[in-house]
Amino acid sequence: MNLDLFDEAASHQPPRTEQIGPQTFVLRAFALPFIDDLLPPLRAVLKAAPFRRMVTPGGQNMSVALSNCGPLGWTTDARGYRYTGVDPQTGLPWPGLPQSFLRLAAAAAAQAGFVDFRADACLINRYVPGARMSLHQDRDERDFDAPIVSVSLGLPAMFQMGGLQRSDRALRVPLLHGDVMVWGGVDRLRFHGVLPLKEGHHPVMGPQRINFTLRKAG
């Protein structure tokens, strides 16, 4: 994973906000000013809890590799989807949630109208070309009042934001390096997913997309 380069051109993109639902927002380039404070702790987290491909309750290997940081981490296996306080591979607590992640999440949530957001879980996803995430709802958290803050790094992805029913037509939203999505309130349980990642090489992150999603899970 190449996290040592910095894309000066990308850093000059002007931030802007796009509203794609009553309480769903895309904050374009919002994370770019935070990049220098995000990458070193991200390296440390992934050294302590490396990416792994988990198995769904139905026995399928996920195409997306996962890790976590924070008091709670999301996991899946034959017993189901859930949050745990320890990494099932090591039996140790998940790495701490970096303060730079918390600052970014709080700032993005506030920009979207959700004040005083403080996450206790951060799910980190690694997409390589071909990896995808099928449409799903985030229902494993105890607190549906808090928003979800999703940060995109690396290769562009085509995000799908659906409605409150799986059959609702999904809007396709391109996400670029540094974009942050925030959704909550009446939109908190919207179905969402990611179409298969296309081939490419990003000057900051290499041939991959890393996405980390901050939530109030406990």
C-alpha atoms as a PDB file:
ATOM      1  CA  MET A   1       0.000   0.000   0.000  1.00  0.00           C
ATOM      2  CA  ASN A   2       1.557   3.256  -1.153  1.00  0.00           C
ATOM      3  CA  LEU A   3       0.591   6.000   1.305  1.00  0.00           C
ATOM      4  CA  ASP A   4       3.793   8.037   1.019  1.00  0.00           C
ATOM      5  CA  LEU A   5       2.979  10.251  -1.953  1.00  0.00           C
ATOM      6  CA  PHE A   6       0.910  13.401  -1.818  1.00  0.00           C
ATOM      7  CA  ASP A   7      -1.059  14.692  -4.779  1.00  0.00           C
ATOM      8  CA  GLU A   8      -0.524  18.452  -4.852  1.00  0.00           C
ATOM      9  CA  ALA A   9      -3.001  18.938  -7.682  1.00  0.00           C
ATOM     10  CA  ALA A  10      -5.752  17.125  -5.794  1.00  0.00           C
ATOM     11  CA  SER A  11      -5.098  19.224  -2.702  1.00  0.00           C
ATOM     12  CA  HIS A  12      -6.137  22.338  -4.606  1.00  0.00           C
ATOM     13  CA  GLN A  13      -9.652  21.142  -5.419  1.00  0.00           C
ATOM     14  CA  PRO A  14     -12.167  23.583  -3.894  1.00  0.00           C
ATOM     15  CA  PRO A  15     -14.515  22.009  -1.336  1.00  0.00           C
ATOM     16  CA  ARG A  16     -18.205  22.098  -2.180  1.00  0.00           C
ATOM     17  CA  THR A  17     -21.369  20.494  -0.840  1.00  0.00           C
ATOM     18  CA  GLU A  18     -23.900  18.510  -2.877  1.00  0.00           C
ATOM     19  CA  GLN A  19     -27.224  17.531  -1.295  1.00  0.00           C
ATOM     20  CA  ILE A  20     -28.589  14.275  -2.712  1.00  0.00           C
ATOM     21  CA  GLY A  21     -31.373  13.632  -0.212  1.00  0.00           C
ATOM     22  CA  PRO A  22     -33.236  15.361   2.613  1.00  0.00           C
ATOM     23  CA  GLN A  23     -30.347  14.554   4.978  1.00  0.00           C
ATOM     24  CA  THR A  24     -27.728  13.086   2.633  1.00  0.00           C
ATOM     25  CA  PHE A  25     -24.741  15.153   1.543  1.00  0.00           C
ATOM     26  CA  VAL A  26     -21.584  14.708  -0.509  1.00  0.00           C
ATOM     27  CA  LEU A  27     -18.826  17.006   0.745  1.00  0.00           C
ATOM     28  CA  ARG A  28     -16.494  17.224  -2.224  1.00  0.00           C
ATOM     29  CA  ALA A  29     -12.761  17.371  -1.367  1.00  0.00           C
ATOM     30  CA  PHE A  30     -13.645  17.914   2.293  1.00  0.00           C
ATOM     31  CA  ALA A  31     -11.001  15.477   3.591  1.00  0.00           C
ATOM     32  CA  LEU A  32      -8.093  16.857   1.542  1.00  0.00           C
ATOM     33  CA  PRO A  33      -6.963  19.428   4.141  1.00  0.00           C
ATOM     34  CA  PHE A  34      -6.828  16.574   6.688  1.00  0.00           C
ATOM     35  CA  ILE A  35      -4.769  14.167   4.535  1.00  0.00           C
ATOM     36  CA  ASP A  36      -1.395  14.726   6.209  1.00  0.00           C
ATOM     37  CA  ASP A  37      -2.997  14.001   9.588  1.00  0.00           C
ATOM     38  CA  LEU A  38      -4.931  10.949   8.380  1.00  0.00           C
ATOM     39  CA  LEU A  39      -2.333   8.806   6.620  1.00  0.00           C
ATOM     40  CA  PRO A  40       0.237   8.207   9.411  1.00  0.00           C
ATOM     41  CA  PRO A  41      -2.360   6.942  11.929  1.00  0.00           C
ATOM     42  CA  LEU A  42      -4.037   4.942   9.164  1.00  0.00           C
ATOM     43  CA  ARG A  43      -0.724   3.139   8.581  1.00  0.00           C
ATOM     44  CA  ALA A  44      -0.426   2.432  12.309  1.00  0.00           C
ATOM     45  CA  VAL A  45      -3.965   1.069  12.546  1.00  0.00           C
ATOM     46  CA  LEU A  46      -3.451  -1.255   9.581  1.00  0.00           C
ATOM     47  CA  LYS A  47      -0.154  -2.502  10.970  1.00  0.00           C
ATOM     48  CA  ALA A  48      -1.890  -3.481  14.220  1.00  0.00           C
ATOM     49  CA  ALA A  49      -5.043  -4.845  12.540  1.00  0.00           C
ATOM     50  CA  PRO A  50      -4.248  -5.768   8.914  1.00  0.00           C
ATOM     51  CA  PHE A  51      -6.917  -5.970   6.245  1.00  0.00           C
ATOM     52  CA  ARG A  52      -8.709  -9.303   5.964  1.00  0.00           C
ATOM     53  CA  ARG A  53     -11.539 -10.658   3.819  1.00  0.00           C
ATOM     54  CA  MET A  54     -14.348 -11.737   6.095  1.00  0.00           C
ATOM     55  CA  VAL A  55     -17.018 -14.363   5.468  1.00  0.00           C
ATOM     56  CA  THR A  56     -20.719 -13.535   5.440  1.00  0.00           C
ATOM     57  CA  PRO A  57     -23.233 -15.598   7.431  1.00  0.00           C
ATOM     58  CA  GLY A  58     -24.156 -17.221   4.105  1.00  0.00           C
ATOM     59  CA  GLY A  59     -20.605 -18.478   3.658  1.00  0.00           C
ATOM     60  CA  GLN A  60     -19.481 -16.041   0.952  1.00  0.00           C
ATOM     61  CA  ASN A  61     -16.069 -14.357   1.035  1.00  0.00           C
ATOM     62  CA  MET A  62     -16.463 -10.604   0.810  1.00  0.00           C
ATOM     63  CA  SER A  63     -14.612  -9.033  -2.110  1.00  0.00           C
ATOM     64  CA  VAL A  64     -13.792  -6.028   0.071  1.00  0.00           C
ATOM     65  CA  ALA A  65     -11.068  -6.437   2.716  1.00  0.00           C
ATOM     66  CA  LEU A  66     -11.839  -4.958   6.129  1.00  0.00           C
ATOM     67  CA  SER A  67     -10.257  -3.647   9.292  1.00  0.00           C
ATOM     68  CA  ASN A  68     -11.474  -1.531  12.213  1.00  0.00           C
ATOM     69  CA  CYS A  69     -10.376   0.938  14.816  1.00  0.00           C
ATOM     70  CA  GLY A  70     -12.113   2.342  17.858  1.00  0.00           C
ATOM     71  CA  PRO A  71     -13.864   0.857  20.893  1.00  0.00           C
ATOM     72  CA  LEU A  72     -16.129  -1.181  18.606  1.00  0.00           C
ATOM     73  CA  GLY A  73     -15.358  -2.915  15.317  1.00  0.00           C
ATOM     74  CA  TRP A  74     -17.723  -4.451  12.776  1.00  0.00           C
ATOM     75  CA  THR A  75     -17.258  -8.096  11.932  1.00  0.00           C
ATOM     76  CA  THR A  76     -19.028 -10.925  10.149  1.00  0.00           C
ATOM     77  CA  ASP A  77     -18.784 -14.701  10.214  1.00  0.00           C
ATOM     78  CA  ALA A  78     -21.081 -17.715  10.294  1.00  0.00           C
ATOM     79  CA  ARG A  79     -22.694 -16.354  13.478  1.00  0.00           C
ATOM     80  CA  GLY A  80     -23.821 -13.143  11.804  1.00  0.00           C
ATOM     81  CA  TYR A  81     -23.059  -9.440  11.514  1.00  0.00           C
ATOM     82  CA  ARG A  82     -22.155  -7.601  14.717  1.00  0.00           C
ATOM     83  CA  TYR A  83     -19.854  -5.205  16.524  1.00  0.00           C
ATOM     84  CA  THR A  84     -17.179  -6.499  18.873  1.00  0.00           C
ATOM     85  CA  GLY A  85     -14.715  -4.871  21.227  1.00  0.00           C
ATOM     86  CA  VAL A  86     -11.847  -7.135  20.142  1.00  0.00           C
ATOM     87  CA  ASP A  87     -10.271  -8.198  16.882  1.00  0.00           C
ATOM     88  CA  PRO A  88     -11.408 -11.824  16.365  1.00  0.00           C
ATOM     89  CA  GLN A  89      -8.071 -12.663  14.722  1.00  0.00           C
ATOM     90  CA  THR A  90      -5.958 -11.623  17.702  1.00  0.00           C
ATOM     91  CA  GLY A  91      -8.319 -11.468  20.663  1.00  0.00           C
ATOM     92  CA  LEU A  92      -6.942  -7.980  21.373  1.00  0.00           C
ATOM     93  CA  PRO A  93      -8.873  -4.705  21.399  1.00  0.00           C
ATOM     94  CA  TRP A  94      -9.101  -2.958  18.062  1.00  0.00           C
ATOM     95  CA  PRO A  95      -6.560  -0.143  17.613  1.00  0.00           C
ATOM     96  CA  GLY A  96      -7.614   3.183  19.051  1.00  0.00           C
ATOM     97  CA  LEU A  97      -9.615   5.583  16.901  1.00  0.00           C
ATOM     98  CA  PRO A  98      -7.199   8.319  15.800  1.00  0.00           C
ATOM     99  CA  GLN A  99      -8.027  11.846  16.917  1.00  0.00           C
ATOM    100  CA  SER A 100      -7.591  13.091  13.341  1.00  0.00           C
ATOM    101  CA  PHE A 101     -10.350  10.692  12.213  1.00  0.00           C
ATOM    102  CA  LEU A 102     -12.620  11.979  14.978  1.00  0.00           C
ATOM    103  CA  ARG A 103     -11.924  15.603  14.109  1.00  0.00           C
ATOM    104  CA  LEU A 104     -12.675  15.012  10.441  1.00  0.00           C
ATOM    105  CA  ALA A 105     -15.863  13.088  11.237  1.00  0.00           C
ATOM    106  CA  ALA A 106     -17.133  15.757  13.631  1.00  0.00           C
ATOM    107  CA  ALA A 107     -16.386  18.554  11.155  1.00  0.00           C
ATOM    108  CA  ALA A 108     -18.051  16.717   8.243  1.00  0.00           C
ATOM    109  CA  ALA A 109     -21.110  15.835  10.327  1.00  0.00           C
ATOM    110  CA  ALA A 110     -21.466  19.441  11.453  1.00  0.00           C
ATOM    111  CA  GLN A 111     -21.171  20.641   7.857  1.00  0.00           C
ATOM    112  CA  ALA A 112     -24.115  18.358   7.046  1.00  0.00           C
ATOM    113  CA  GLY A 113     -26.163  19.641   9.995  1.00  0.00           C
ATOM    114  CA  PHE A 114     -25.388  16.926  12.557  1.00  0.00           C
ATOM    115  CA  VAL A 115     -23.726  18.657  15.493  1.00  0.00           C
ATOM    116  CA  ASP A 116     -21.837  17.024  18.370  1.00  0.00           C
ATOM    117  CA  PHE A 117     -21.200  13.775  16.491  1.00  0.00           C
ATOM    118  CA  ARG A 118     -18.605  11.552  18.157  1.00  0.00           C
ATOM    119  CA  ALA A 119     -17.951   8.156  16.635  1.00  0.00           C
ATOM    120  CA  ASP A 120     -17.096   5.038  18.614  1.00  0.00           C
ATOM    121  CA  ALA A 121     -16.504   2.763  15.601  1.00  0.00           C
ATOM    122  CA  CYS A 122     -14.557   3.113  12.368  1.00  0.00           C
ATOM    123  CA  LEU A 123     -14.845   0.448   9.694  1.00  0.00           C
ATOM    124  CA  ILE A 124     -12.010   0.584   7.132  1.00  0.00           C
ATOM    125  CA  ASN A 125     -12.632  -0.990   3.713  1.00  0.00           C
ATOM    126  CA  ARG A 126     -10.060  -1.757   1.021  1.00  0.00           C
ATOM    127  CA  TYR A 127     -11.318  -2.041  -2.552  1.00  0.00           C
ATOM    128  CA  VAL A 128      -9.088  -3.392  -5.306  1.00  0.00           C
ATOM    129  CA  PRO A 129     -10.242  -3.503  -8.944  1.00  0.00           C
ATOM    130  CA  GLY A 130     -13.330  -5.680  -9.188  1.00  0.00           C
ATOM    131  CA  ALA A 131     -14.246  -5.419  -5.509  1.00  0.00           C
ATOM    132  CA  ARG A 132     -17.777  -4.248  -4.774  1.00  0.00           C
ATOM    133  CA  MET A 133     -20.311  -3.820  -1.995  1.00  0.00           C
ATOM    134  CA  SER A 134     -23.879  -4.920  -2.639  1.00  0.00           C
ATOM    135  CA  LEU A 135     -26.818  -2.758  -1.617  1.00  0.00           C
ATOM    136  CA  HIS A 136     -27.434  -2.984   2.110  1.00  0.00           C
ATOM    137  CA  GLN A 137     -28.656  -1.048   5.127  1.00  0.00           C
ATOM    138  CA  ASP A 138     -26.510  -0.263   8.160  1.00  0.00           C
ATOM    139  CA  ARG A 139     -28.674  -1.755  10.901  1.00  0.00           C
ATOM    140  CA  ASP A 140     -26.142  -3.276  13.308  1.00  0.00           C
ATOM    141  CA  GLU A 141     -25.663  -0.047  15.286  1.00  0.00           C
ATOM    142  CA  ARG A 142     -27.684   0.654  18.424  1.00  0.00           C
ATOM    143  CA  ASP A 143     -27.959   4.385  17.751  1.00  0.00           C
ATOM    144  CA  PHE A 144     -29.858   5.279  14.566  1.00  0.00           C
ATOM    145  CA  ASP A 145     -30.044   8.933  15.627  1.00  0.00           C
ATOM    146  CA  ALA A 146     -26.367   9.512  14.789  1.00  0.00           C
ATOM    147  CA  PRO A 147     -25.280   9.991  11.153  1.00  0.00           C
ATOM    148  CA  ILE A 148     -22.845   7.916   9.122  1.00  0.00           C
ATOM    149  CA  VAL A 149     -19.690   9.650   7.894  1.00  0.00           C
ATOM    150  CA  SER A 150     -17.890   7.939   5.002  1.00  0.00           C
ATOM    151  CA  VAL A 151     -14.469   9.085   3.758  1.00  0.00           C
ATOM    152  CA  SER A 152     -13.085   8.111   0.324  1.00  0.00           C
ATOM    153  CA  LEU A 153      -9.364   7.836  -0.420  1.00  0.00           C
ATOM    154  CA  GLY A 154      -7.653   6.619  -3.569  1.00  0.00           C
ATOM    155  CA  LEU A 155      -9.260   5.405  -6.783  1.00  0.00           C
ATOM    156  CA  PRO A 156     -12.649   6.814  -7.805  1.00  0.00           C
ATOM    157  CA  ALA A 157     -15.684   4.700  -7.023  1.00  0.00           C
ATOM    158  CA  MET A 158     -19.301   4.687  -8.143  1.00  0.00           C
ATOM    159  CA  PHE A 159     -21.399   4.783  -4.995  1.00  0.00           C
ATOM    160  CA  GLN A 160     -25.039   3.721  -5.075  1.00  0.00           C
ATOM    161  CA  MET A 161     -27.480   5.512  -2.774  1.00  0.00           C
ATOM    162  CA  GLY A 162     -30.888   3.891  -2.803  1.00  0.00           C
ATOM    163  CA  GLY A 163     -34.036   4.458  -0.820  1.00  0.00           C
ATOM    164  CA  LEU A 164     -35.572   2.920   2.267  1.00  0.00           C
ATOM    165  CA  GLN A 165     -36.658  -0.179   0.304  1.00  0.00           C
ATOM    166  CA  ARG A 166     -34.240  -2.460  -1.529  1.00  0.00           C
ATOM    167  CA  SER A 167     -36.390  -2.156  -4.647  1.00  0.00           C
ATOM    168  CA  ASP A 168     -36.065   1.650  -4.752  1.00  0.00           C
ATOM    169  CA  ARG A 169     -34.015   2.935  -7.639  1.00  0.00           C
ATOM    170  CA  ALA A 170     -30.455   3.798  -6.580  1.00  0.00           C
ATOM    171  CA  LEU A 171     -28.782   7.055  -7.471  1.00  0.00           C
ATOM    172  CA  ARG A 172     -25.218   6.677  -8.772  1.00  0.00           C
ATOM    173  CA  VAL A 173     -22.778   9.052  -7.088  1.00  0.00           C
ATOM    174  CA  PRO A 174     -19.109   9.211  -8.229  1.00  0.00           C
ATOM    175  CA  LEU A 175     -16.776   9.545  -5.254  1.00  0.00           C
ATOM    176  CA  LEU A 176     -13.224  10.835  -5.616  1.00  0.00           C
ATOM    177  CA  HIS A 177     -10.177  11.007  -3.372  1.00  0.00           C
ATOM    178  CA  GLY A 178     -10.989  13.269  -0.432  1.00  0.00           C
ATOM    179  CA  ASP A 179     -14.779  13.213  -0.811  1.00  0.00           C
ATOM    180  CA  VAL A 180     -16.857  12.652   2.313  1.00  0.00           C
ATOM    181  CA  MET A 181     -20.454  11.424   2.387  1.00  0.00           C
ATOM    182  CA  VAL A 182     -22.723  12.066   5.357  1.00  0.00           C
ATOM    183  CA  TRP A 183     -26.231  10.701   5.781  1.00  0.00           C
ATOM    184  CA  GLY A 184     -28.548  10.451   8.765  1.00  0.00           C
ATOM    185  CA  GLY A 185     -31.929  11.465  10.144  1.00  0.00           C
ATOM    186  CA  VAL A 186     -34.711  10.450   7.769  1.00  0.00           C
ATOM    187  CA  ASP A 187     -32.052   9.036   5.407  1.00  0.00           C
ATOM    188  CA  ARG A 188     -30.180   6.975   8.009  1.00  0.00           C
ATOM    189  CA  LEU A 189     -31.496   3.585   6.799  1.00  0.00           C
ATOM    190  CA  ARG A 190     -31.193   4.171   3.065  1.00  0.00           C
ATOM    191  CA  PHE A 191     -29.820   1.219   1.107  1.00  0.00           C
ATOM    192  CA  HIS A 192     -26.368   1.876  -0.313  1.00  0.00           C
ATOM    193  CA  GLY A 193     -23.474   0.086  -1.974  1.00  0.00           C
ATOM    194  CA  VAL A 194     -20.490   0.393  -4.324  1.00  0.00           C
ATOM    195  CA  LEU A 195     -20.252  -0.837  -7.921  1.00  0.00           C
ATOM    196  CA  PRO A 196     -17.175  -2.910  -8.900  1.00  0.00           C
ATOM    197  CA  LEU A 197     -14.039  -0.784  -8.706  1.00  0.00           C
ATOM    198  CA  LYS A 198     -12.358  -0.046 -12.026  1.00  0.00           C
ATOM    199  CA  GLU A 199      -8.661  -0.512 -12.763  1.00  0.00           C
ATOM    200  CA  GLY A 200      -6.394   2.436 -12.082  1.00  0.00           C
ATOM    201  CA  HIS A 201      -3.545   3.841 -10.076  1.00  0.00           C
ATOM    202  CA  HIS A 202      -3.991   6.771  -7.727  1.00  0.00           C
ATOM    203  CA  PRO A 203      -0.931   8.979  -7.030  1.00  0.00           C
ATOM    204  CA  VAL A 204      -1.617   8.941  -3.281  1.00  0.00           C
ATOM    205  CA  MET A 205      -3.046   5.494  -2.575  1.00  0.00           C
ATOM    206  CA  GLY A 206      -1.876   3.353  -5.472  1.00  0.00           C
ATOM    207  CA  PRO A 207      -4.111   0.788  -7.261  1.00  0.00           C
ATOM    208  CA  GLN A 208      -6.861   0.750  -4.644  1.00  0.00           C
ATOM    209  CA  ARG A 209      -9.590   2.654  -2.852  1.00  0.00           C
ATOM    210  CA  ILE A 210      -9.613   2.881   0.920  1.00  0.00           C
ATOM    211  CA  ASN A 211     -12.837   4.010   2.514  1.00  0.00           C
ATOM    212  CA  PHE A 212     -13.373   4.481   6.214  1.00  0.00           C
ATOM    213  CA  THR A 213     -16.793   4.905   7.742  1.00  0.00           C
ATOM    214  CA  LEU A 214     -17.356   6.399  11.158  1.00  0.00           C
ATOM    215  CA  ARG A 215     -20.447   5.582  13.205  1.00  0.00           C
ATOM    216  CA  LYS A 216     -21.963   5.679  16.672  1.00  0.00           C
ATOM    217  CA  ALA A 217     -22.436   1.955  17.129  1.00  0.00           C
ATOM    218  CA  GLY A 218     -22.778   1.485  20.888  1.00  0.00           C
END
